[in-house]
Amino acid sequence: MSLPSVDRLGPLPCSLRARTAAVLVCSALAATDVMAATALSATRMVLREAEGSSSINVRNDDDAPTLIQAWIDDGRTQMSPELIDTPFQVVPPLLRVEAGASRLLRVQRVRPDALPGDRESLFWLNLMEIPRKAEGQRSSAAPDQANRLDIRVRSRIKLIYRPAVLESGKQDRLAQVDWMPAAQGRAVCVRNGSPWVLNLADGRIGASSLQLGNGVVLPMSSREFLLSAPPTQARVDFQWVDDHGALHPAQALLEQPAP
């Protein structure tokens, strides 16, 4: 039996959304053990104020059609999608991708007044595969599991909103980034005084490596990163990630805090 057209599916029922949210946490924890059937054309999205929307290509590498639910979050990963209010809309929020085919997913800004005009804002695009069981599997399944949906994996990439004021002139994203020893000896504080989202991919102070997590330091803010050992020198070697996911090596010196 073929899957229905996306245009006829409509929004997911509340009961399905609740079940999806419940399974989502387990799927995220098991993501490293599961291969996603879908692939994205980019590792991050940049939505520019002047354009109002941005698109990404979603490809299905599986040998069967798949349904994908898409939504935007603001960093609160444990909240159900319908409870998260962001100034963006995903079109379509539920799409069917045929086996070996691609579909375009668009993110559009719907409330520009809710976004700051002097710095970038960070959100996250989520895509969750909802594969259907084959007809033979459904007929042989227990009655209470005949309509069960198996959640495969969730993909999550950065969505950066960029105001128009940041598009002009030379963009030296590291000119206002400072590195300082943290209060405790096995951590450093990165202060991002720039209007851009700073995404660090790697960092090392001598033989001590930084534990970066997602590596994000938001504009006009600071963040501490733990070190594998206390620093033994002042030079920091690190890499930052640009709009296209490319890595750029850079260096900085640890600044001693003012007395």
C-alpha atoms as a PDB file:
ATOM      1  CA  MET A   1       0.000   0.000   0.000  1.00  0.00           C
ATOM      2  CA  SER A   2       1.422   3.355  -0.986  1.00  0.00           C
ATOM      3  CA  LEU A   3       1.704   6.288   1.376  1.00  0.00           C
ATOM      4  CA  PRO A   4      -0.850   9.095   0.955  1.00  0.00           C
ATOM      5  CA  SER A   5       0.114  12.362  -0.632  1.00  0.00           C
ATOM      6  CA  VAL A   6       1.568  14.958   1.764  1.00  0.00           C
ATOM      7  CA  ASP A   7      -1.058  17.465   0.631  1.00  0.00           C
ATOM      8  CA  ARG A   8      -3.789  15.175   1.956  1.00  0.00           C
ATOM      9  CA  LEU A   9      -2.181  14.363   5.267  1.00  0.00           C
ATOM     10  CA  GLY A  10      -2.846  17.659   7.019  1.00  0.00           C
ATOM     11  CA  PRO A  11      -1.437  18.376  10.491  1.00  0.00           C
ATOM     12  CA  LEU A  12      -0.511  15.500  12.737  1.00  0.00           C
ATOM     13  CA  PRO A  13      -3.228  14.614  15.292  1.00  0.00           C
ATOM     14  CA  CYS A  14      -2.545  15.677  18.857  1.00  0.00           C
ATOM     15  CA  SER A  15      -2.316  12.049  19.953  1.00  0.00           C
ATOM     16  CA  LEU A  16       0.335  11.352  17.304  1.00  0.00           C
ATOM     17  CA  ARG A  17       2.270  14.464  18.257  1.00  0.00           C
ATOM     18  CA  ALA A  18       2.237  13.366  21.895  1.00  0.00           C
ATOM     19  CA  ARG A  19       3.484   9.886  20.994  1.00  0.00           C
ATOM     20  CA  THR A  20       6.090  11.400  18.700  1.00  0.00           C
ATOM     21  CA  ALA A  21       7.376  13.702  21.441  1.00  0.00           C
ATOM     22  CA  ALA A  22       7.577  10.816  23.886  1.00  0.00           C
ATOM     23  CA  VAL A  23       9.587   8.645  21.514  1.00  0.00           C
ATOM     24  CA  LEU A  24      11.725  11.588  20.416  1.00  0.00           C
ATOM     25  CA  VAL A  25      13.874  11.599  23.538  1.00  0.00           C
ATOM     26  CA  CYS A  26      14.638   7.886  23.201  1.00  0.00           C
ATOM     27  CA  SER A  27      15.414   8.327  19.514  1.00  0.00           C
ATOM     28  CA  ALA A  28      17.826  11.153  20.224  1.00  0.00           C
ATOM     29  CA  LEU A  29      19.659   9.057  22.803  1.00  0.00           C
ATOM     30  CA  ALA A  30      19.979   6.182  20.342  1.00  0.00           C
ATOM     31  CA  ALA A  31      20.898   8.328  17.359  1.00  0.00           C
ATOM     32  CA  THR A  32      24.504   7.176  17.328  1.00  0.00           C
ATOM     33  CA  ASP A  33      23.370   3.583  16.817  1.00  0.00           C
ATOM     34  CA  VAL A  34      20.918   4.282  13.975  1.00  0.00           C
ATOM     35  CA  MET A  35      21.618   5.299  10.393  1.00  0.00           C
ATOM     36  CA  ALA A  36      19.376   8.084   9.088  1.00  0.00           C
ATOM     37  CA  ALA A  37      17.696   7.436   5.755  1.00  0.00           C
ATOM     38  CA  THR A  38      17.625  11.139   4.897  1.00  0.00           C
ATOM     39  CA  ALA A  39      20.512  13.473   4.161  1.00  0.00           C
ATOM     40  CA  LEU A  40      20.623  17.278   4.166  1.00  0.00           C
ATOM     41  CA  SER A  41      22.393  19.457   1.614  1.00  0.00           C
ATOM     42  CA  ALA A  42      24.008  21.619   4.328  1.00  0.00           C
ATOM     43  CA  THR A  43      25.138  21.383   7.949  1.00  0.00           C
ATOM     44  CA  ARG A  44      23.580  24.738   8.868  1.00  0.00           C
ATOM     45  CA  MET A  45      21.192  27.347   7.500  1.00  0.00           C
ATOM     46  CA  VAL A  46      21.630  31.126   7.371  1.00  0.00           C
ATOM     47  CA  LEU A  47      18.433  33.110   6.952  1.00  0.00           C
ATOM     48  CA  ARG A  48      19.181  36.671   5.865  1.00  0.00           C
ATOM     49  CA  GLU A  49      16.852  39.509   6.806  1.00  0.00           C
ATOM     50  CA  ALA A  50      16.746  40.885   3.254  1.00  0.00           C
ATOM     51  CA  GLU A  51      15.629  37.522   1.840  1.00  0.00           C
ATOM     52  CA  GLY A  52      13.075  36.545   4.478  1.00  0.00           C
ATOM     53  CA  SER A  53      13.488  32.807   3.878  1.00  0.00           C
ATOM     54  CA  SER A  54      16.073  30.090   3.302  1.00  0.00           C
ATOM     55  CA  SER A  55      15.826  26.595   1.840  1.00  0.00           C
ATOM     56  CA  ILE A  56      17.563  23.268   2.284  1.00  0.00           C
ATOM     57  CA  ASN A  57      17.421  20.101   0.214  1.00  0.00           C
ATOM     58  CA  VAL A  58      16.288  16.881   1.902  1.00  0.00           C
ATOM     59  CA  ARG A  59      17.263  13.631   0.172  1.00  0.00           C
ATOM     60  CA  ASN A  60      15.889  10.174   0.933  1.00  0.00           C
ATOM     61  CA  ASP A  61      18.610   7.533   0.498  1.00  0.00           C
ATOM     62  CA  ASP A  62      16.321   4.696   1.557  1.00  0.00           C
ATOM     63  CA  ASP A  63      14.647   2.231  -0.800  1.00  0.00           C
ATOM     64  CA  ALA A  64      11.163   3.217   0.396  1.00  0.00           C
ATOM     65  CA  PRO A  65       9.273   6.512   0.817  1.00  0.00           C
ATOM     66  CA  THR A  66       9.529   8.238   4.158  1.00  0.00           C
ATOM     67  CA  LEU A  67       7.617  10.921   6.011  1.00  0.00           C
ATOM     68  CA  ILE A  68       9.527  13.714   7.704  1.00  0.00           C
ATOM     69  CA  GLN A  69       8.255  16.089  10.356  1.00  0.00           C
ATOM     70  CA  ALA A  70      10.116  19.414  10.537  1.00  0.00           C
ATOM     71  CA  TRP A  71      10.052  22.183  13.127  1.00  0.00           C
ATOM     72  CA  ILE A  72      12.158  24.965  14.655  1.00  0.00           C
ATOM     73  CA  ASP A  73      13.262  25.141  18.289  1.00  0.00           C
ATOM     74  CA  ASP A  74      15.050  27.802  20.293  1.00  0.00           C
ATOM     75  CA  GLY A  75      17.386  25.456  22.152  1.00  0.00           C
ATOM     76  CA  ARG A  76      14.855  23.861  24.490  1.00  0.00           C
ATOM     77  CA  THR A  77      15.212  20.337  23.152  1.00  0.00           C
ATOM     78  CA  GLN A  78      12.970  18.631  25.699  1.00  0.00           C
ATOM     79  CA  MET A  79       9.849  20.616  24.784  1.00  0.00           C
ATOM     80  CA  SER A  80       7.226  19.243  22.420  1.00  0.00           C
ATOM     81  CA  PRO A  81       7.303  21.030  19.027  1.00  0.00           C
ATOM     82  CA  GLU A  82       3.816  22.520  19.325  1.00  0.00           C
ATOM     83  CA  LEU A  83       4.765  24.230  22.604  1.00  0.00           C
ATOM     84  CA  ILE A  84       7.756  26.093  21.145  1.00  0.00           C
ATOM     85  CA  ASP A  85       6.986  29.519  19.712  1.00  0.00           C
ATOM     86  CA  THR A  86       9.571  30.922  17.291  1.00  0.00           C
ATOM     87  CA  PRO A  87       9.353  33.722  14.684  1.00  0.00           C
ATOM     88  CA  PHE A  88       9.768  31.185  11.864  1.00  0.00           C
ATOM     89  CA  GLN A  89       7.630  28.783   9.897  1.00  0.00           C
ATOM     90  CA  VAL A  90       8.721  25.570   8.183  1.00  0.00           C
ATOM     91  CA  VAL A  91       7.105  24.850   4.818  1.00  0.00           C
ATOM     92  CA  PRO A  92       5.963  22.139   4.625  1.00  0.00           C
ATOM     93  CA  PRO A  93       6.007  20.991   8.280  1.00  0.00           C
ATOM     94  CA  LEU A  94       5.329  17.413   7.156  1.00  0.00           C
ATOM     95  CA  LEU A  95       6.701  16.167   3.855  1.00  0.00           C
ATOM     96  CA  ARG A  96       6.857  12.891   2.008  1.00  0.00           C
ATOM     97  CA  VAL A  97      10.101  12.096   0.202  1.00  0.00           C
ATOM     98  CA  GLU A  98      10.079   9.271  -2.329  1.00  0.00           C
ATOM     99  CA  ALA A  99      12.814   6.630  -2.345  1.00  0.00           C
ATOM    100  CA  GLY A 100      15.973   8.037  -3.894  1.00  0.00           C
ATOM    101  CA  ALA A 101      14.339  11.443  -4.388  1.00  0.00           C
ATOM    102  CA  SER A 102      14.809  14.930  -2.919  1.00  0.00           C
ATOM    103  CA  ARG A 103      12.455  17.609  -1.636  1.00  0.00           C
ATOM    104  CA  LEU A 104      13.039  21.258  -0.829  1.00  0.00           C
ATOM    105  CA  LEU A 105      12.286  22.451   2.695  1.00  0.00           C
ATOM    106  CA  ARG A 106      11.862  26.186   3.270  1.00  0.00           C
ATOM    107  CA  VAL A 107      12.164  28.181   6.497  1.00  0.00           C
ATOM    108  CA  GLN A 108      10.519  31.591   6.352  1.00  0.00           C
ATOM    109  CA  ARG A 109      10.448  34.466   8.814  1.00  0.00           C
ATOM    110  CA  VAL A 110       6.932  35.338   9.977  1.00  0.00           C
ATOM    111  CA  ARG A 111       7.555  37.811  12.827  1.00  0.00           C
ATOM    112  CA  PRO A 112      10.537  40.061  12.020  1.00  0.00           C
ATOM    113  CA  ASP A 113       9.829  42.355  14.998  1.00  0.00           C
ATOM    114  CA  ALA A 114      10.597  39.461  17.356  1.00  0.00           C
ATOM    115  CA  LEU A 115      14.238  39.317  16.224  1.00  0.00           C
ATOM    116  CA  PRO A 116      17.054  41.700  17.223  1.00  0.00           C
ATOM    117  CA  GLY A 117      18.381  43.890  14.430  1.00  0.00           C
ATOM    118  CA  ASP A 118      21.934  44.367  15.722  1.00  0.00           C
ATOM    119  CA  ARG A 119      23.141  40.757  16.118  1.00  0.00           C
ATOM    120  CA  GLU A 120      22.596  37.235  14.878  1.00  0.00           C
ATOM    121  CA  SER A 121      20.088  34.917  16.546  1.00  0.00           C
ATOM    122  CA  LEU A 122      20.480  31.157  16.872  1.00  0.00           C
ATOM    123  CA  PHE A 123      17.688  28.639  16.425  1.00  0.00           C
ATOM    124  CA  TRP A 124      17.640  24.972  15.416  1.00  0.00           C
ATOM    125  CA  LEU A 125      15.978  23.155  12.518  1.00  0.00           C
ATOM    126  CA  ASN A 126      14.746  19.674  13.434  1.00  0.00           C
ATOM    127  CA  LEU A 127      13.852  16.883  11.013  1.00  0.00           C
ATOM    128  CA  MET A 128      12.414  13.636  12.293  1.00  0.00           C
ATOM    129  CA  GLU A 129      11.885  10.598  10.093  1.00  0.00           C
ATOM    130  CA  ILE A 130       8.643   8.686  10.540  1.00  0.00           C
ATOM    131  CA  PRO A 131       9.050   5.473   8.512  1.00  0.00           C
ATOM    132  CA  ARG A 132       5.964   3.348   7.902  1.00  0.00           C
ATOM    133  CA  LYS A 133       5.959  -0.422   8.247  1.00  0.00           C
ATOM    134  CA  ALA A 134       5.663  -2.424   5.056  1.00  0.00           C
ATOM    135  CA  GLU A 135       2.323  -4.113   4.292  1.00  0.00           C
ATOM    136  CA  GLY A 136       3.656  -7.565   5.144  1.00  0.00           C
ATOM    137  CA  GLN A 137       4.935  -6.363   8.491  1.00  0.00           C
ATOM    138  CA  ARG A 138       1.589  -4.767   9.346  1.00  0.00           C
ATOM    139  CA  SER A 139      -0.422  -7.897   8.490  1.00  0.00           C
ATOM    140  CA  SER A 140       1.787 -10.112  10.666  1.00  0.00           C
ATOM    141  CA  ALA A 141       1.976  -7.706  13.578  1.00  0.00           C
ATOM    142  CA  ALA A 142      -0.083  -7.972  16.734  1.00  0.00           C
ATOM    143  CA  PRO A 143      -3.386  -6.048  16.570  1.00  0.00           C
ATOM    144  CA  ASP A 144      -2.265  -3.429  19.060  1.00  0.00           C
ATOM    145  CA  GLN A 145       0.911  -2.788  17.033  1.00  0.00           C
ATOM    146  CA  ALA A 146      -0.519  -2.870  13.509  1.00  0.00           C
ATOM    147  CA  ASN A 147      -0.578   0.932  13.233  1.00  0.00           C
ATOM    148  CA  ARG A 148       2.568   1.562  15.200  1.00  0.00           C
ATOM    149  CA  LEU A 149       5.004   4.165  13.850  1.00  0.00           C
ATOM    150  CA  ASP A 150       8.707   3.463  14.319  1.00  0.00           C
ATOM    151  CA  ILE A 151      10.630   6.689  14.889  1.00  0.00           C
ATOM    152  CA  ARG A 152      14.029   6.299  13.249  1.00  0.00           C
ATOM    153  CA  VAL A 153      16.191   9.318  14.058  1.00  0.00           C
ATOM    154  CA  ARG A 154      16.108  13.075  14.470  1.00  0.00           C
ATOM    155  CA  SER A 155      18.489  15.412  12.660  1.00  0.00           C
ATOM    156  CA  ARG A 156      19.143  18.851  14.126  1.00  0.00           C
ATOM    157  CA  ILE A 157      21.123  21.660  12.503  1.00  0.00           C
ATOM    158  CA  LYS A 158      21.764  25.298  13.325  1.00  0.00           C
ATOM    159  CA  LEU A 159      19.511  27.995  11.914  1.00  0.00           C
ATOM    160  CA  ILE A 160      21.160  31.435  12.116  1.00  0.00           C
ATOM    161  CA  TYR A 161      19.158  34.596  11.481  1.00  0.00           C
ATOM    162  CA  ARG A 162      21.357  37.426  10.154  1.00  0.00           C
ATOM    163  CA  PRO A 163      20.168  41.072  10.213  1.00  0.00           C
ATOM    164  CA  ALA A 164      20.835  43.190   7.126  1.00  0.00           C
ATOM    165  CA  VAL A 165      23.170  45.506   9.038  1.00  0.00           C
ATOM    166  CA  LEU A 166      25.717  42.664   9.282  1.00  0.00           C
ATOM    167  CA  GLU A 167      25.885  42.060   5.540  1.00  0.00           C
ATOM    168  CA  SER A 168      27.931  45.136   4.654  1.00  0.00           C
ATOM    169  CA  GLY A 169      31.636  45.771   5.203  1.00  0.00           C
ATOM    170  CA  LYS A 170      34.459  43.451   6.165  1.00  0.00           C
ATOM    171  CA  GLN A 171      33.466  40.723   8.586  1.00  0.00           C
ATOM    172  CA  ASP A 172      36.274  40.052  11.048  1.00  0.00           C
ATOM    173  CA  ARG A 173      34.403  37.717  13.338  1.00  0.00           C
ATOM    174  CA  LEU A 174      37.325  37.189  15.721  1.00  0.00           C
ATOM    175  CA  ALA A 175      38.268  40.823  16.322  1.00  0.00           C
ATOM    176  CA  GLN A 176      35.979  41.050  19.350  1.00  0.00           C
ATOM    177  CA  VAL A 177      36.543  37.555  20.726  1.00  0.00           C
ATOM    178  CA  ASP A 178      38.621  37.299  23.906  1.00  0.00           C
ATOM    179  CA  TRP A 179      39.966  34.241  25.704  1.00  0.00           C
ATOM    180  CA  MET A 180      40.579  34.360  29.460  1.00  0.00           C
ATOM    181  CA  PRO A 181      41.332  31.884  32.219  1.00  0.00           C
ATOM    182  CA  ALA A 182      38.210  30.985  34.154  1.00  0.00           C
ATOM    183  CA  ALA A 183      37.984  31.217  37.930  1.00  0.00           C
ATOM    184  CA  GLN A 184      38.733  27.517  38.183  1.00  0.00           C
ATOM    185  CA  GLY A 185      42.041  26.321  36.807  1.00  0.00           C
ATOM    186  CA  ARG A 186      40.718  23.774  34.339  1.00  0.00           C
ATOM    187  CA  ALA A 187      38.488  26.029  32.254  1.00  0.00           C
ATOM    188  CA  VAL A 188      38.656  29.027  29.949  1.00  0.00           C
ATOM    189  CA  CYS A 189      36.121  31.762  29.353  1.00  0.00           C
ATOM    190  CA  VAL A 190      35.416  32.829  25.768  1.00  0.00           C
ATOM    191  CA  ARG A 191      33.891  36.293  25.514  1.00  0.00           C
ATOM    192  CA  ASN A 192      32.199  36.993  22.196  1.00  0.00           C
ATOM    193  CA  GLY A 193      31.757  40.755  21.893  1.00  0.00           C
ATOM    194  CA  SER A 194      30.851  40.518  18.211  1.00  0.00           C
ATOM    195  CA  PRO A 195      27.347  40.489  16.684  1.00  0.00           C
ATOM    196  CA  TRP A 196      27.952  37.055  15.093  1.00  0.00           C
ATOM    197  CA  VAL A 197      27.298  33.580  16.441  1.00  0.00           C
ATOM    198  CA  LEU A 198      30.696  32.004  17.119  1.00  0.00           C
ATOM    199  CA  ASN A 199      30.862  28.271  16.428  1.00  0.00           C
ATOM    200  CA  LEU A 200      34.041  26.565  17.670  1.00  0.00           C
ATOM    201  CA  ALA A 201      34.922  23.114  16.309  1.00  0.00           C
ATOM    202  CA  ASP A 202      38.202  22.434  18.081  1.00  0.00           C
ATOM    203  CA  GLY A 203      40.370  24.065  20.717  1.00  0.00           C
ATOM    204  CA  ARG A 204      43.650  23.335  22.450  1.00  0.00           C
ATOM    205  CA  ILE A 205      45.983  25.080  24.871  1.00  0.00           C
ATOM    206  CA  GLY A 206      49.245  23.205  24.634  1.00  0.00           C
ATOM    207  CA  ALA A 207      48.469  19.580  25.469  1.00  0.00           C
ATOM    208  CA  SER A 208      45.137  20.459  27.046  1.00  0.00           C
ATOM    209  CA  SER A 209      42.034  20.179  24.841  1.00  0.00           C
ATOM    210  CA  LEU A 210      38.794  22.115  25.247  1.00  0.00           C
ATOM    211  CA  GLN A 211      35.571  20.240  25.924  1.00  0.00           C
ATOM    212  CA  LEU A 212      33.399  22.245  23.539  1.00  0.00           C
ATOM    213  CA  GLY A 213      30.036  20.488  23.463  1.00  0.00           C
ATOM    214  CA  ASN A 214      28.167  22.232  20.623  1.00  0.00           C
ATOM    215  CA  GLY A 215      30.896  24.904  20.607  1.00  0.00           C
ATOM    216  CA  VAL A 216      28.503  27.853  20.360  1.00  0.00           C
ATOM    217  CA  VAL A 217      29.180  31.245  21.934  1.00  0.00           C
ATOM    218  CA  LEU A 218      26.271  33.587  21.308  1.00  0.00           C
ATOM    219  CA  PRO A 219      26.750  37.247  20.302  1.00  0.00           C
ATOM    220  CA  MET A 220      27.466  39.705  23.110  1.00  0.00           C
ATOM    221  CA  SER A 221      27.876  36.881  25.618  1.00  0.00           C
ATOM    222  CA  SER A 222      30.427  34.663  27.326  1.00  0.00           C
ATOM    223  CA  ARG A 223      30.764  30.946  27.837  1.00  0.00           C
ATOM    224  CA  GLU A 224      33.129  28.767  29.839  1.00  0.00           C
ATOM    225  CA  PHE A 225      34.672  25.579  28.449  1.00  0.00           C
ATOM    226  CA  LEU A 226      36.336  22.906  30.543  1.00  0.00           C
ATOM    227  CA  LEU A 227      39.893  21.793  29.778  1.00  0.00           C
ATOM    228  CA  SER A 228      41.244  18.271  29.920  1.00  0.00           C
ATOM    229  CA  ALA A 229      44.097  19.612  32.107  1.00  0.00           C
ATOM    230  CA  PRO A 230      45.169  22.979  33.549  1.00  0.00           C
ATOM    231  CA  PRO A 231      46.693  25.218  30.828  1.00  0.00           C
ATOM    232  CA  THR A 232      50.488  25.374  30.723  1.00  0.00           C
ATOM    233  CA  GLN A 233      50.823  28.168  28.158  1.00  0.00           C
ATOM    234  CA  ALA A 234      48.999  31.297  26.982  1.00  0.00           C
ATOM    235  CA  ARG A 235      48.518  30.433  23.299  1.00  0.00           C
ATOM    236  CA  VAL A 236      45.162  29.005  22.209  1.00  0.00           C
ATOM    237  CA  ASP A 237      44.901  27.085  18.944  1.00  0.00           C
ATOM    238  CA  PHE A 238      41.331  26.660  17.753  1.00  0.00           C
ATOM    239  CA  GLN A 239      39.084  26.295  14.723  1.00  0.00           C
ATOM    240  CA  TRP A 240      35.879  28.124  13.943  1.00  0.00           C
ATOM    241  CA  VAL A 241      33.120  27.167  11.502  1.00  0.00           C
ATOM    242  CA  ASP A 242      31.799  29.449   8.744  1.00  0.00           C
ATOM    243  CA  ASP A 243      28.392  29.601   7.021  1.00  0.00           C
ATOM    244  CA  HIS A 244      29.225  26.665   4.775  1.00  0.00           C
ATOM    245  CA  GLY A 245      30.543  24.369   7.521  1.00  0.00           C
ATOM    246  CA  ALA A 246      34.191  24.912   6.566  1.00  0.00           C
ATOM    247  CA  LEU A 247      36.809  24.966   9.329  1.00  0.00           C
ATOM    248  CA  HIS A 248      39.198  27.895   9.768  1.00  0.00           C
ATOM    249  CA  PRO A 249      42.267  27.569  12.027  1.00  0.00           C
ATOM    250  CA  ALA A 250      43.061  30.522  14.278  1.00  0.00           C
ATOM    251  CA  GLN A 251      45.135  31.466  17.291  1.00  0.00           C
ATOM    252  CA  ALA A 252      44.625  33.680  20.319  1.00  0.00           C
ATOM    253  CA  LEU A 253      46.355  34.520  23.593  1.00  0.00           C
ATOM    254  CA  LEU A 254      44.852  34.029  27.014  1.00  0.00           C
ATOM    255  CA  GLU A 255      44.254  37.449  28.527  1.00  0.00           C
ATOM    256  CA  GLN A 256      44.813  37.827  32.222  1.00  0.00           C
ATOM    257  CA  PRO A 257      41.810  39.398  33.958  1.00  0.00           C
ATOM    258  CA  ALA A 258      42.246  42.903  35.302  1.00  0.00           C
ATOM    259  CA  PRO A 259      43.110  43.035  39.022  1.00  0.00           C
END
